[in-house]
């Protein structure tokens, strides 16, 4: 079933002012964080600046973030539902996780540079010959960052339900490393989910501008659900199924 975004509304002059101010603030934040990021790399100490930058992006965009549930400590793989571009800075702010992204993002130099600073692992979904190399990259990233997040729907949904999870995206978890926990995460945008969602034929830039033009805050709850265990971890297919059932169950419960 095709999902559609909320009807587009013309951006008011005040909305355009918000866009300009927020984009300027994001650029300023980037210019402040990049030198500090490279300084930490040169010194060889822990580097908090990618997470701080993304958390700042969320705040500038008007996101009011609430985190619930118990996050697993140590190496973990987060399976998260996907609604908007806001998901990335929000999940990073809540967990400090790096991300698994499709290789199409790597074709854009600026975006690739920004993603690389946060430890993003790029995977070629249709390149079967490189699966083993990608598996190694994902496992190394989990060990290096402590947490790696993926959007197993493979695209965005409207926030009121879930698309099927693509188990092929979880190849790095088959077999599952013994020291890695798998934890489902629900991004709950509440009653305004469809107004936030980036779905249908809406261009990404249009969604970006629409969010930044808002006067109301974007209310988002990041809910860490119990980690998977037992037979749910038997294979990537059982992981995908169990994670989807957990997130969908939590979403339906919230809507009652």
Protein backbone atom coordinates (compact mmCIF):
# COMPACT_ATOMS: atom_id res chain seq x y z
CA UNK A 1 0.00 0.00 0.00
CA UNK A 2 1.46 3.33 -1.06
CA UNK A 3 1.88 5.85 1.73
CA UNK A 4 1.27 9.54 1.17
CA UNK A 5 2.51 12.56 3.05
CA UNK A 6 0.35 15.27 4.55
CA UNK A 7 -0.92 17.77 1.95
CA UNK A 8 1.74 20.36 1.18
CA UNK A 9 1.06 23.89 2.37
CA UNK A 10 2.64 27.06 1.08
CA UNK A 11 5.44 28.31 3.33
CA UNK A 12 4.61 31.69 4.84
CA UNK A 13 7.09 34.61 4.96
CA UNK A 14 7.60 33.91 8.67
CA UNK A 15 8.20 30.26 7.81
CA UNK A 16 10.88 31.25 5.31
CA UNK A 17 12.50 33.39 8.01
CA UNK A 18 12.63 30.36 10.30
CA UNK A 19 14.24 28.33 7.52
CA UNK A 20 16.94 30.94 6.91
CA UNK A 21 17.70 31.37 10.63
CA UNK A 22 17.82 27.61 11.27
CA UNK A 23 20.00 26.83 8.26
CA UNK A 24 22.39 29.62 9.29
CA UNK A 25 22.51 28.14 12.79
CA UNK A 26 23.25 24.67 11.38
CA UNK A 27 26.10 26.01 9.25
CA UNK A 28 27.53 27.88 12.24
CA UNK A 29 27.33 24.73 14.35
CA UNK A 30 29.14 22.77 11.63
CA UNK A 31 31.93 25.35 11.42
CA UNK A 32 32.38 25.14 15.20
CA UNK A 33 32.32 21.35 15.44
CA UNK A 34 34.56 20.39 12.50
CA UNK A 35 37.82 21.87 13.88
CA UNK A 36 37.13 20.31 17.29
CA UNK A 37 36.42 16.96 15.62
CA UNK A 38 39.77 16.97 13.80
CA UNK A 39 41.58 18.18 16.92
CA UNK A 40 40.27 15.16 18.82
CA UNK A 41 41.38 12.88 15.99
CA UNK A 42 44.89 14.33 16.00
CA UNK A 43 45.18 13.99 19.76
CA UNK A 44 43.75 10.48 19.60
CA UNK A 45 41.07 10.86 22.27
CA UNK A 46 37.36 10.01 22.31
CA UNK A 47 35.51 12.12 19.79
CA UNK A 48 32.10 13.39 21.00
CA UNK A 49 31.66 16.02 18.30
CA UNK A 50 29.71 14.05 15.68
CA UNK A 51 27.08 13.19 18.30
CA UNK A 52 27.04 16.75 19.64
CA UNK A 53 26.70 18.13 16.12
CA UNK A 54 23.77 15.85 15.29
CA UNK A 55 22.10 16.55 18.64
CA UNK A 56 22.49 20.26 17.91
CA UNK A 57 20.92 19.79 14.46
CA UNK A 58 17.91 18.17 16.11
CA UNK A 59 17.52 21.04 18.55
CA UNK A 60 17.90 23.67 15.84
CA UNK A 61 15.25 21.89 13.76
CA UNK A 62 12.85 22.28 16.67
CA UNK A 63 12.89 18.70 17.93
CA UNK A 64 11.76 18.18 21.51
CA UNK A 65 13.39 14.85 22.33
CA UNK A 66 12.23 12.41 25.00
CA UNK A 67 14.04 9.12 25.61
CA UNK A 68 12.36 6.16 27.34
CA UNK A 69 13.28 2.54 27.96
CA UNK A 70 16.58 0.97 28.95
CA UNK A 71 19.39 1.08 26.42
CA UNK A 72 21.76 -1.89 26.39
CA UNK A 73 25.33 -0.94 27.26
CA UNK A 74 28.27 -2.14 25.22
CA UNK A 75 28.22 -3.37 21.63
CA UNK A 76 24.73 -3.14 20.20
CA UNK A 77 22.87 -3.11 16.91
CA UNK A 78 19.80 -0.85 16.90
CA UNK A 79 16.90 -1.60 14.54
CA UNK A 80 14.84 1.58 14.13
CA UNK A 81 11.68 2.53 12.25
CA UNK A 82 12.21 5.32 9.72
CA UNK A 83 9.94 8.36 9.29
CA UNK A 84 11.99 11.45 8.44
CA UNK A 85 15.48 12.85 8.03
CA UNK A 86 15.08 13.97 11.64
CA UNK A 87 15.48 10.33 12.69
CA UNK A 88 19.25 10.37 12.17
CA UNK A 89 20.13 13.32 14.45
CA UNK A 90 17.55 12.15 17.00
CA UNK A 91 18.88 8.58 17.24
CA UNK A 92 22.43 9.87 17.40
CA UNK A 93 21.53 12.29 20.18
CA UNK A 94 19.80 9.51 22.13
CA UNK A 95 22.39 6.77 21.67
CA UNK A 96 25.59 8.09 20.09
CA UNK A 97 25.20 5.41 17.41
CA UNK A 98 26.79 5.43 14.00
CA UNK A 99 24.62 4.32 11.06
CA UNK A 100 24.42 1.86 8.22
CA UNK A 101 23.58 3.78 5.04
CA UNK A 102 23.06 2.80 1.41
CA UNK A 103 25.87 3.53 -1.00
CA UNK A 104 23.78 6.10 -2.89
CA UNK A 105 24.56 8.57 -0.11
CA UNK A 106 28.26 8.05 -0.72
CA UNK A 107 27.89 9.51 -4.22
CA UNK A 108 27.35 12.98 -2.74
CA UNK A 109 30.75 14.27 -1.55
CA UNK A 110 29.52 16.66 1.15
CA UNK A 111 27.07 14.16 2.60
CA UNK A 112 29.66 11.37 2.44
CA UNK A 113 32.14 13.56 4.34
CA UNK A 114 29.60 14.35 7.06
CA UNK A 115 28.52 10.70 7.32
CA UNK A 116 32.12 9.49 7.49
CA UNK A 117 32.79 11.70 10.51
CA UNK A 118 30.03 9.88 12.38
CA UNK A 119 31.39 6.46 11.38
CA UNK A 120 28.67 5.63 8.82
CA UNK A 121 29.09 2.27 7.10
CA UNK A 122 27.98 2.38 3.45
CA UNK A 123 26.57 -0.82 2.00
CA UNK A 124 25.87 -1.70 -1.63
CA UNK A 125 22.48 -3.40 -1.46
CA UNK A 126 22.74 -4.99 -4.89
CA UNK A 127 26.42 -5.95 -4.86
CA UNK A 128 26.43 -9.55 -3.67
CA UNK A 129 30.16 -9.87 -4.33
CA UNK A 130 30.97 -7.36 -1.59
CA UNK A 131 28.69 -8.79 1.11
CA UNK A 132 31.55 -10.37 3.09
CA UNK A 133 33.54 -7.11 3.05
CA UNK A 134 30.47 -5.17 4.16
CA UNK A 135 29.81 -7.62 6.99
CA UNK A 136 33.35 -7.07 8.26
CA UNK A 137 32.91 -3.28 8.04
CA UNK A 138 29.68 -3.39 10.01
CA UNK A 139 31.15 -5.59 12.74
CA UNK A 140 34.25 -3.39 13.00
CA UNK A 141 32.02 -0.33 13.30
CA UNK A 142 30.04 -1.88 16.15
CA UNK A 143 33.27 -2.59 18.00
CA UNK A 144 34.62 0.89 17.28
CA UNK A 145 31.56 3.02 18.12
CA UNK A 146 29.77 0.78 20.61
CA UNK A 147 26.48 1.11 18.73
CA UNK A 148 25.36 0.92 15.13
CA UNK A 149 21.85 1.78 13.94
CA UNK A 150 20.00 0.71 10.82
CA UNK A 151 16.57 1.47 9.35
CA UNK A 152 15.51 -2.04 8.22
CA UNK A 153 12.45 -0.80 6.31
CA UNK A 154 14.95 0.47 3.76
CA UNK A 155 12.96 3.69 3.30
CA UNK A 156 10.63 5.96 5.26
CA UNK A 157 7.07 5.16 6.34
CA UNK A 158 4.31 7.52 7.49
CA UNK A 159 4.92 6.99 11.21
CA UNK A 160 1.56 5.31 11.87
CA UNK A 161 2.65 1.82 10.81
CA UNK A 162 5.63 -0.15 9.50
CA UNK A 163 6.77 -1.36 6.13
CA UNK A 164 8.23 -4.89 5.88
CA UNK A 165 11.75 -5.19 7.28
CA UNK A 166 14.35 -6.23 4.71
CA UNK A 167 16.34 -9.04 6.25
CA UNK A 168 19.00 -8.68 3.54
CA UNK A 169 20.06 -5.45 5.23
CA UNK A 170 20.96 -7.49 8.31
CA UNK A 171 23.53 -9.75 6.67
CA UNK A 172 26.17 -8.60 9.15
CA UNK A 173 24.13 -10.24 11.92
CA UNK A 174 24.11 -13.69 10.36
CA UNK A 175 25.67 -15.28 12.31
CA UNK A 176 25.31 -12.87 15.21
CA UNK A 177 28.57 -11.97 17.00
CA UNK A 178 28.38 -13.29 20.55
CA UNK A 179 29.11 -9.95 22.18
CA UNK A 180 26.59 -7.85 20.21
CA UNK A 181 23.07 -7.16 21.49
CA UNK A 182 20.21 -6.48 19.08
CA UNK A 183 17.72 -3.88 20.29
CA UNK A 184 14.57 -2.60 18.55
CA UNK A 185 13.91 1.14 18.85
CA UNK A 186 10.61 2.93 18.24
CA UNK A 187 10.60 6.51 16.97
CA UNK A 188 7.22 7.88 18.01
CA UNK A 189 6.18 11.24 16.57
CA UNK A 190 2.76 11.05 18.20
CA UNK A 191 -0.35 12.45 16.50
CA UNK A 192 1.74 14.60 14.15
CA UNK A 193 3.62 11.68 12.61
CA UNK A 194 2.02 12.04 9.19
CA UNK A 195 2.74 15.78 9.19
CA UNK A 196 6.42 15.03 9.80
CA UNK A 197 6.82 11.96 7.56
CA UNK A 198 8.85 12.08 4.35
CA UNK A 199 6.94 9.69 2.12
CA UNK A 200 5.28 9.49 -1.28
CA UNK A 201 6.62 11.74 -4.01
CA UNK A 202 7.69 14.59 -1.75
CA UNK A 203 11.29 15.62 -2.54
CA UNK A 204 13.76 15.46 0.32
CA UNK A 205 14.49 19.19 0.12
CA UNK A 206 10.78 19.97 0.36
CA UNK A 207 10.47 17.90 3.53
CA UNK A 208 13.57 19.55 4.96
CA UNK A 209 12.14 23.04 4.37
CA UNK A 210 8.70 22.06 5.63
CA UNK A 211 10.12 20.87 8.95
CA UNK A 212 12.34 23.91 9.43
CA UNK A 213 9.45 26.28 8.67
CA UNK A 214 7.36 24.94 11.56
CA UNK A 215 6.59 27.16 14.53
CA UNK A 216 5.55 24.21 16.73
CA UNK A 217 8.20 21.89 18.12
CA UNK A 218 8.55 18.39 16.70
CA UNK A 219 7.63 16.12 19.61
CA UNK A 220 9.60 12.88 19.33
CA UNK A 221 9.92 10.00 21.76
CA UNK A 222 12.83 7.60 21.23
CA UNK A 223 11.76 4.40 22.95
CA UNK A 224 14.35 1.67 23.54
CA UNK A 225 12.53 -1.66 23.59
CA UNK A 226 13.82 -4.85 25.29
CA UNK A 227 16.70 -6.47 23.37
CA UNK A 228 15.94 -9.59 21.36
CA UNK A 229 16.81 -12.94 22.85
CA UNK A 230 16.49 -16.68 22.33
CA UNK A 231 15.11 -17.97 19.02
CA UNK A 232 14.61 -14.42 17.76
CA UNK A 233 18.39 -14.25 17.25
CA UNK A 234 18.64 -17.47 15.23
CA UNK A 235 19.15 -15.73 11.87
CA UNK A 236 18.80 -12.38 10.13
CA UNK A 237 15.27 -13.35 9.06
CA UNK A 238 14.15 -14.13 12.60
CA UNK A 239 15.84 -10.93 13.82
CA UNK A 240 14.00 -8.84 11.20
CA UNK A 241 10.67 -10.47 12.02
CA UNK A 242 11.03 -10.23 15.79
CA UNK A 243 12.25 -6.62 15.70
CA UNK A 244 9.37 -5.59 13.45
CA UNK A 245 6.83 -7.30 15.70
CA UNK A 246 8.29 -5.57 18.77
CA UNK A 247 8.27 -2.09 17.20
CA UNK A 248 4.83 -2.54 15.64
CA UNK A 249 3.42 -3.84 18.93
CA UNK A 250 4.78 -0.82 20.80
CA UNK A 251 3.41 1.53 18.13
CA UNK A 252 -0.06 -0.02 18.20
CA UNK A 253 -0.09 0.04 22.00
CA UNK A 254 0.79 3.74 21.93
CA UNK A 255 -2.05 4.51 19.50
CA UNK A 256 -4.75 2.89 21.68
